[in-house]
């Protein structure tokens, strides 16, 4: 997702409707001397999003990790939510399901604590993609149903990501599950309320603050090389 530079504190910013407006890595790095931590972090988040859309997950992760230190100085949790959601997608497409799950789950915890209505759909769709090849076909169907009920995909860039999730992760699980069973689970997911959908996706209660902090520390550390996701090239 793309983070708007001027979004008010505590309000979930809208996604961009197209990749062309996303800043480049060069523009992000040129902002590093501005002294405006939110502006700097936003530039890195948006450049990371552009790299995801350009099928460059390793570059996206590099840029998104650069966003984390300035985000520690930003009062609003909204930019961190956007950064972690993007880190989840980049990790997923890089083949690191463990890191992707951690990022998506932390995104959902931030959304739940702050009642953000923008962001859970991305994270829940990402968790559906993780569940699908892991033998949890019914859970994947229910999660993607919940994500769609929350508005996923909401803009054209999301639709491009959704097409990758469908092609690389969900299609095989749907075929294995069977169209009738899959549709039943997807409908069940669509009936979940906002808090129910987040609770189902997380599968546990809100962790203590120190656990959330450990999750952020893990996300900021460089990932070990892993096998690339299936069908990674567009």
Protein backbone atom coordinates (compact mmCIF):
# COMPACT_ATOMS: atom_id res chain seq x y z
CA UNK A 1 0.00 0.00 0.00
CA UNK A 2 1.09 3.57 -0.61
CA UNK A 3 1.37 6.00 2.31
CA UNK A 4 0.25 9.59 1.75
CA UNK A 5 2.81 12.11 3.01
CA UNK A 6 0.27 14.51 4.54
CA UNK A 7 -2.12 12.06 6.17
CA UNK A 8 -3.34 13.32 9.57
CA UNK A 9 -2.17 11.42 12.64
CA UNK A 10 -4.26 8.36 13.42
CA UNK A 11 -6.17 8.38 10.13
CA UNK A 12 -5.55 5.56 7.69
CA UNK A 13 -4.27 7.04 4.40
CA UNK A 14 -5.70 5.95 1.09
CA UNK A 15 -3.76 3.81 -1.36
CA UNK A 16 -2.57 5.17 -4.65
CA UNK A 17 -4.73 4.38 -7.66
CA UNK A 18 -1.71 3.74 -9.87
CA UNK A 19 1.96 2.83 -9.73
CA UNK A 20 3.11 5.77 -11.82
CA UNK A 21 2.78 8.18 -8.88
CA UNK A 22 4.99 6.09 -6.58
CA UNK A 23 8.38 7.66 -5.78
CA UNK A 24 11.57 5.98 -6.92
CA UNK A 25 14.26 4.66 -4.62
CA UNK A 26 16.43 7.61 -5.61
CA UNK A 27 13.77 10.10 -4.52
CA UNK A 28 13.39 8.28 -1.20
CA UNK A 29 17.09 8.36 -0.51
CA UNK A 30 17.30 12.03 -1.53
CA UNK A 31 14.86 12.81 1.31
CA UNK A 32 17.25 11.47 3.96
CA UNK A 33 18.63 14.90 4.84
CA UNK A 34 15.29 16.64 5.25
CA UNK A 35 14.98 16.06 9.00
CA UNK A 36 11.28 15.27 8.60
CA UNK A 37 11.05 11.69 9.86
CA UNK A 38 7.55 11.03 8.57
CA UNK A 39 8.40 12.45 5.15
CA UNK A 40 11.52 10.28 4.99
CA UNK A 41 9.72 7.14 6.14
CA UNK A 42 6.84 7.77 3.73
CA UNK A 43 9.27 8.13 0.84
CA UNK A 44 10.83 4.76 1.66
CA UNK A 45 7.44 3.09 2.15
CA UNK A 46 6.20 4.35 -1.20
CA UNK A 47 9.43 3.41 -2.97
CA UNK A 48 9.16 -0.05 -1.44
CA UNK A 49 5.58 -0.34 -2.71
CA UNK A 50 6.74 0.65 -6.20
CA UNK A 51 9.44 -2.06 -6.04
CA UNK A 52 6.81 -4.66 -5.06
CA UNK A 53 4.71 -3.68 -8.06
CA UNK A 54 7.85 -3.90 -10.21
CA UNK A 55 8.44 -7.49 -9.00
CA UNK A 56 11.60 -6.58 -7.06
CA UNK A 57 10.91 -7.95 -3.55
CA UNK A 58 14.54 -7.85 -2.40
CA UNK A 59 14.82 -4.16 -3.29
CA UNK A 60 11.45 -3.53 -1.66
CA UNK A 61 12.65 -5.12 1.57
CA UNK A 62 15.86 -3.06 1.52
CA UNK A 63 13.87 0.17 1.18
CA UNK A 64 11.22 -0.79 3.72
CA UNK A 65 13.86 -1.67 6.32
CA UNK A 66 15.30 1.81 5.82
CA UNK A 67 11.87 3.19 6.71
CA UNK A 68 11.86 1.54 10.16
CA UNK A 69 14.39 3.80 12.00
CA UNK A 70 12.63 7.08 11.10
CA UNK A 71 9.28 5.46 11.89
CA UNK A 72 10.46 5.09 15.49
CA UNK A 73 10.36 8.93 15.65
CA UNK A 74 6.83 9.25 14.18
CA UNK A 75 3.94 9.60 16.62
CA UNK A 76 1.25 8.14 14.37
CA UNK A 77 1.16 4.34 13.90
CA UNK A 78 -0.37 4.70 10.42
CA UNK A 79 2.93 4.81 8.47
CA UNK A 80 4.25 1.79 10.39
CA UNK A 81 1.09 -0.11 9.48
CA UNK A 82 1.71 0.66 5.80
CA UNK A 83 5.41 -0.29 6.04
CA UNK A 84 4.69 -3.63 7.71
CA UNK A 85 1.93 -4.50 5.25
CA UNK A 86 4.35 -3.86 2.39
CA UNK A 87 7.09 -5.85 4.14
CA UNK A 88 4.68 -8.75 4.39
CA UNK A 89 3.99 -8.70 0.67
CA UNK A 90 7.66 -8.30 -0.23
CA UNK A 91 8.65 -11.17 2.07
CA UNK A 92 5.88 -13.35 0.66
CA UNK A 93 7.02 -12.76 -2.91
CA UNK A 94 10.65 -13.33 -1.86
CA UNK A 95 9.66 -16.77 -0.54
CA UNK A 96 10.03 -16.01 3.17
CA UNK A 97 6.64 -17.07 4.57
CA UNK A 98 7.81 -16.80 8.19
CA UNK A 99 8.80 -13.14 7.85
CA UNK A 100 5.67 -12.42 5.82
CA UNK A 101 3.44 -13.91 8.52
CA UNK A 102 5.16 -11.85 11.24
CA UNK A 103 4.70 -8.63 9.25
CA UNK A 104 1.06 -9.31 8.40
CA UNK A 105 0.20 -10.26 11.98
CA UNK A 106 1.86 -7.14 13.38
CA UNK A 107 -0.07 -5.07 10.81
CA UNK A 108 -3.32 -6.56 12.11
CA UNK A 109 -2.37 -5.86 15.73
CA UNK A 110 -1.70 -2.21 14.87
CA UNK A 111 -5.02 -2.00 13.03
CA UNK A 112 -6.90 -3.56 15.94
CA UNK A 113 -5.29 -1.32 18.57
CA UNK A 114 -6.04 1.83 16.55
CA UNK A 115 -9.28 0.77 14.84
CA UNK A 116 -7.72 1.30 11.40
CA UNK A 117 -10.14 0.18 8.70
CA UNK A 118 -7.52 0.45 5.94
CA UNK A 119 -4.79 -2.18 6.05
CA UNK A 120 -6.41 -5.31 7.49
CA UNK A 121 -7.61 -6.42 4.06
CA UNK A 122 -4.05 -6.52 2.68
CA UNK A 123 -2.71 -8.42 5.68
CA UNK A 124 -5.57 -10.92 5.71
CA UNK A 125 -5.22 -11.56 1.98
CA UNK A 126 -1.50 -12.13 2.53
CA UNK A 127 -2.19 -14.59 5.33
CA UNK A 128 -4.60 -16.43 3.03
CA UNK A 129 -1.76 -16.81 0.52
CA UNK A 130 0.50 -18.21 3.25
CA UNK A 131 -2.14 -20.70 4.42
CA UNK A 132 -2.98 -21.96 0.91
CA UNK A 133 0.22 -23.92 0.10
CA UNK A 134 0.65 -24.93 3.75
CA UNK A 135 -2.21 -27.44 3.68
CA UNK A 136 -4.76 -25.06 5.21
CA UNK A 137 -7.03 -24.76 2.20
CA UNK A 138 -10.27 -24.08 4.07
CA UNK A 139 -8.57 -21.46 6.23
CA UNK A 140 -7.15 -19.80 3.11
CA UNK A 141 -10.63 -19.65 1.57
CA UNK A 142 -12.15 -18.16 4.71
CA UNK A 143 -9.35 -15.59 5.00
CA UNK A 144 -9.65 -14.43 1.40
CA UNK A 145 -13.41 -14.18 1.86
CA UNK A 146 -12.85 -11.97 4.91
CA UNK A 147 -10.29 -9.84 3.03
CA UNK A 148 -12.67 -9.28 0.13
CA UNK A 149 -15.49 -8.33 2.51
CA UNK A 150 -13.16 -5.71 4.02
CA UNK A 151 -12.56 -4.22 0.56
CA UNK A 152 -9.69 -6.17 -0.98
CA UNK A 153 -8.65 -5.33 -3.68
CA UNK A 154 -9.71 -1.69 -3.50
CA UNK A 155 -7.60 -0.03 -6.23
CA UNK A 156 -5.84 -1.04 -9.44
CA UNK A 157 -2.47 -1.62 -7.75
CA UNK A 158 -4.13 -3.96 -5.26
CA UNK A 159 -5.73 -5.81 -8.16
CA UNK A 160 -2.28 -6.48 -9.60
CA UNK A 161 -1.14 -7.93 -6.27
CA UNK A 162 -4.39 -9.90 -5.95
CA UNK A 163 -3.77 -11.46 -9.37
CA UNK A 164 -0.35 -12.66 -8.17
CA UNK A 165 -1.79 -14.07 -4.96
CA UNK A 166 -4.41 -15.93 -6.98
CA UNK A 167 -1.94 -17.25 -9.55
CA UNK A 168 0.93 -18.20 -7.25
CA UNK A 169 -0.88 -19.31 -4.09
CA UNK A 170 -4.67 -19.52 -4.12
CA UNK A 171 -5.55 -21.17 -7.44
CA UNK A 172 -3.98 -24.54 -6.60
CA UNK A 173 -5.55 -24.56 -3.13
CA UNK A 174 -8.98 -23.77 -4.58
CA UNK A 175 -8.67 -26.58 -7.10
CA UNK A 176 -7.56 -29.03 -4.40
CA UNK A 177 -10.28 -27.96 -1.99
CA UNK A 178 -13.00 -28.15 -4.62
CA UNK A 179 -15.13 -25.22 -5.82
CA UNK A 180 -18.13 -25.99 -3.60
CA UNK A 181 -16.20 -26.29 -0.35
CA UNK A 182 -14.03 -23.30 -1.20
CA UNK A 183 -17.08 -21.15 -1.92
CA UNK A 184 -18.68 -22.18 1.38
CA UNK A 185 -15.59 -21.20 3.35
CA UNK A 186 -15.18 -17.97 1.42
CA UNK A 187 -18.79 -17.02 2.22
CA UNK A 188 -18.19 -17.82 5.87
CA UNK A 189 -15.19 -15.49 5.86
CA UNK A 190 -17.21 -12.74 4.20
CA UNK A 191 -19.72 -12.90 7.06
CA UNK A 192 -17.10 -12.09 9.70
CA UNK A 193 -17.21 -8.63 11.23
CA UNK A 194 -14.13 -6.40 11.29
CA UNK A 195 -13.01 -7.54 14.78
CA UNK A 196 -13.96 -11.16 14.06
CA UNK A 197 -11.92 -11.18 10.85
CA UNK A 198 -8.82 -9.86 12.61
CA UNK A 199 -9.24 -12.28 15.50
CA UNK A 200 -9.64 -15.22 13.10
CA UNK A 201 -6.59 -14.16 11.07
CA UNK A 202 -4.44 -13.82 14.19
CA UNK A 203 -5.82 -16.92 15.85
CA UNK A 204 -4.96 -15.64 19.32
CA UNK A 205 -5.42 -12.76 21.71
CA UNK A 206 -3.60 -9.44 21.51
CA UNK A 207 0.04 -10.04 22.57
CA UNK A 208 1.69 -8.00 25.32
CA UNK A 209 3.59 -4.89 24.28
CA UNK A 210 7.01 -6.57 24.70
CA UNK A 211 5.97 -9.33 22.29
CA UNK A 212 4.93 -6.73 19.69
CA UNK A 213 8.29 -5.04 20.17
CA UNK A 214 10.13 -8.30 19.58
CA UNK A 215 8.14 -8.74 16.39
CA UNK A 216 9.25 -5.34 15.10
CA UNK A 217 12.88 -6.12 15.99
CA UNK A 218 12.69 -9.38 14.05
CA UNK A 219 11.22 -7.59 11.04
CA UNK A 220 14.04 -5.03 11.01
CA UNK A 221 16.79 -7.65 10.84
CA UNK A 222 18.07 -8.79 7.41
CA UNK A 223 16.34 -11.90 6.14
CA UNK A 224 18.29 -15.05 5.40
CA UNK A 225 18.19 -16.23 1.77
CA UNK A 226 15.28 -18.55 1.12
CA UNK A 227 13.75 -20.38 -1.81
CA UNK A 228 11.80 -18.02 -4.06
CA UNK A 229 8.03 -18.13 -4.09
CA UNK A 230 6.42 -20.26 -6.76
CA UNK A 231 5.89 -18.45 -10.03
CA UNK A 232 7.62 -15.31 -8.80
CA UNK A 233 8.11 -13.72 -12.22
CA UNK A 234 5.19 -11.99 -13.85
